[in-house]
C-alpha atoms as a PDB file:
ATOM      1  CA  MET A   1      40.510   7.120 -57.056  1.00  0.00           C
ATOM      2  CA  ILE A   2      40.623   3.440 -58.155  1.00  0.00           C
ATOM      3  CA  PRO A   3      39.821   2.693 -61.780  1.00  0.00           C
ATOM      4  CA  SER A   4      36.828   0.381 -62.277  1.00  0.00           C
ATOM      5  CA  ASN A   5      38.858  -2.084 -64.357  1.00  0.00           C
ATOM      6  CA  CYS A   6      41.712  -2.481 -61.859  1.00  0.00           C
ATOM      7  CA  CYS A   7      40.609  -5.805 -60.447  1.00  0.00           C
ATOM      8  CA  ASP A   8      40.385  -9.212 -62.108  1.00  0.00           C
ATOM      9  CA  THR A   9      36.835 -10.383 -62.305  1.00  0.00           C
ATOM     10  CA  ILE A  10      35.511 -13.808 -63.156  1.00  0.00           C
ATOM     11  CA  SER A  11      32.856 -14.070 -65.830  1.00  0.00           C
ATOM     12  CA  GLU A  12      29.806 -16.280 -65.424  1.00  0.00           C
ATOM     13  CA  THR A  13      31.482 -18.915 -67.613  1.00  0.00           C
ATOM     14  CA  GLY A  14      34.369 -19.065 -65.181  1.00  0.00           C
ATOM     15  CA  GLY A  15      36.958 -17.351 -67.370  1.00  0.00           C
ATOM     16  CA  SER A  16      38.866 -14.202 -66.472  1.00  0.00           C
ATOM     17  CA  THR A  17      37.792 -10.963 -68.165  1.00  0.00           C
ATOM     18  CA  LEU A  18      41.438  -9.728 -68.231  1.00  0.00           C
ATOM     19  CA  PRO A  19      43.296 -10.216 -71.491  1.00  0.00           C
ATOM     20  CA  GLU A  20      45.830 -13.083 -71.513  1.00  0.00           C
ATOM     21  CA  LYS A  21      49.244 -11.338 -71.188  1.00  0.00           C
ATOM     22  CA  ILE A  22      51.208 -14.182 -69.649  1.00  0.00           C
ATOM     23  CA  LYS A  23      53.241 -16.125 -72.165  1.00  0.00           C
ATOM     24  CA  ALA A  24      55.336 -19.258 -71.712  1.00  0.00           C
ATOM     25  CA  ALA A  25      58.848 -18.687 -70.495  1.00  0.00           C
ATOM     26  CA  PRO A  26      61.500 -19.202 -73.195  1.00  0.00           C
ATOM     27  CA  THR A  27      63.344 -22.497 -73.136  1.00  0.00           C
ATOM     28  CA  VAL A  28      66.850 -21.996 -71.808  1.00  0.00           C
ATOM     29  CA  VAL A  29      69.465 -24.277 -73.305  1.00  0.00           C
ATOM     30  CA  TYR A  30      72.662 -24.707 -71.349  1.00  0.00           C
ATOM     31  CA  PRO A  31      75.525 -25.962 -73.507  1.00  0.00           C
ATOM     32  CA  GLU A  32      77.403 -28.981 -72.295  1.00  0.00           C
ATOM     33  CA  SER A  33      80.667 -27.456 -73.397  1.00  0.00           C
ATOM     34  CA  ASP A  34      81.874 -24.078 -74.494  1.00  0.00           C
ATOM     35  CA  GLY A  35      84.892 -25.540 -76.233  1.00  0.00           C
ATOM     36  CA  LYS A  36      87.240 -24.055 -73.635  1.00  0.00           C
ATOM     37  CA  PRO A  37      89.304 -26.062 -71.172  1.00  0.00           C
ATOM     38  CA  MET A  38      87.767 -26.492 -67.707  1.00  0.00           C
ATOM     39  CA  ALA A  39      90.959 -25.292 -66.014  1.00  0.00           C
ATOM     40  CA  GLU A  40      94.058 -23.245 -66.681  1.00  0.00           C
ATOM     41  CA  THR A  41      96.465 -26.104 -66.023  1.00  0.00           C
ATOM     42  CA  GLU A  42      96.378 -29.871 -65.412  1.00  0.00           C
ATOM     43  CA  TYR A  43      96.840 -29.155 -61.694  1.00  0.00           C
ATOM     44  CA  HIS A  44      93.701 -26.976 -61.627  1.00  0.00           C
ATOM     45  CA  ARG A  45      91.798 -29.653 -63.585  1.00  0.00           C
ATOM     46  CA  ASP A  46      92.875 -32.307 -61.086  1.00  0.00           C
ATOM     47  CA  ILE A  47      91.677 -30.131 -58.186  1.00  0.00           C
ATOM     48  CA  VAL A  48      88.264 -29.629 -59.845  1.00  0.00           C
ATOM     49  CA  ILE A  49      87.877 -33.366 -60.586  1.00  0.00           C
ATOM     50  CA  ASP A  50      88.940 -34.261 -57.060  1.00  0.00           C
ATOM     51  CA  PHE A  51      86.449 -31.804 -55.599  1.00  0.00           C
ATOM     52  CA  ILE A  52      83.615 -33.217 -57.713  1.00  0.00           C
ATOM     53  CA  GLN A  53      84.458 -36.774 -56.741  1.00  0.00           C
ATOM     54  CA  LYS A  54      84.603 -35.872 -53.044  1.00  0.00           C
ATOM     55  CA  GLU A  55      81.231 -34.127 -53.226  1.00  0.00           C
ATOM     56  CA  GLN A  56      79.724 -37.221 -54.899  1.00  0.00           C
ATOM     57  CA  VAL A  57      81.136 -39.487 -52.184  1.00  0.00           C
ATOM     58  CA  LYS A  58      79.877 -37.117 -49.472  1.00  0.00           C
ATOM     59  CA  GLN A  59      76.424 -37.132 -50.998  1.00  0.00           C
ATOM     60  CA  GLU A  60      76.380 -40.952 -51.285  1.00  0.00           C
ATOM     61  CA  THR A  61      77.688 -41.325 -47.731  1.00  0.00           C
ATOM     62  CA  GLY A  62      74.975 -38.930 -46.394  1.00  0.00           C
ATOM     63  CA  THR A  63      72.320 -40.918 -48.189  1.00  0.00           C
ATOM     64  CA  ARG A  64      73.644 -44.180 -46.809  1.00  0.00           C
ATOM     65  CA  GLN A  65      73.842 -42.757 -43.320  1.00  0.00           C
ATOM     66  CA  ARG A  66      70.231 -41.515 -43.512  1.00  0.00           C
ATOM     67  CA  ALA A  67      69.084 -44.891 -44.736  1.00  0.00           C
ATOM     68  CA  GLU A  68      70.926 -46.690 -41.930  1.00  0.00           C
ATOM     69  CA  ALA A  69      69.393 -44.282 -39.334  1.00  0.00           C
ATOM     70  CA  GLU A  70      65.910 -44.857 -40.735  1.00  0.00           C
ATOM     71  CA  LEU A  71      66.495 -48.654 -40.649  1.00  0.00           C
ATOM     72  CA  ALA A  72      67.697 -48.456 -37.017  1.00  0.00           C
ATOM     73  CA  GLU A  73      64.565 -46.456 -36.080  1.00  0.00           C
ATOM     74  CA  ALA A  74      62.297 -48.990 -37.828  1.00  0.00           C
ATOM     75  CA  LEU A  75      64.020 -51.914 -36.053  1.00  0.00           C
ATOM     76  CA  ALA A  76      63.705 -50.148 -32.667  1.00  0.00           C
ATOM     77  CA  GLU A  77      60.001 -49.555 -33.346  1.00  0.00           C
ATOM     78  CA  LEU A  78      59.532 -53.207 -34.335  1.00  0.00           C
ATOM     79  CA  LYS A  79      61.268 -54.397 -31.117  1.00  0.00           C
ATOM     80  CA  ARG A  80      59.107 -51.965 -29.079  1.00  0.00           C
ATOM     81  CA  LEU A  81      55.937 -53.302 -30.739  1.00  0.00           C
ATOM     82  CA  GLN A  82      57.015 -56.935 -30.230  1.00  0.00           C
ATOM     83  CA  GLY A  83      57.672 -56.179 -26.593  1.00  0.00           C
ATOM     84  CA  LYS A  84      54.067 -54.990 -26.245  1.00  0.00           C
ATOM     85  CA  THR A  85      52.668 -58.131 -27.755  1.00  0.00           C
ATOM     86  CA  ASP A  86      54.851 -60.416 -25.605  1.00  0.00           C
ATOM     87  CA  ALA A  87      53.664 -58.757 -22.357  1.00  0.00           C
END
């Protein structure tokens, strides 16, 4: 048997008849530093920094390559359209 109050209904004024139980999520604060070193040794630190720098370069390179590909497509489309008007 289904209870009569199991479903959300909309009142004539447009509001829900269910009580408001949803609250805002708490704000999560992530500290910038925990006061501890980021690596056990200088060697480990250098590896982490090198990794971060390589990932940044890879991301920038990917963005540049996508932009160059989009530009090449736009130029090809422009040439194709110019060919139609010349004919």
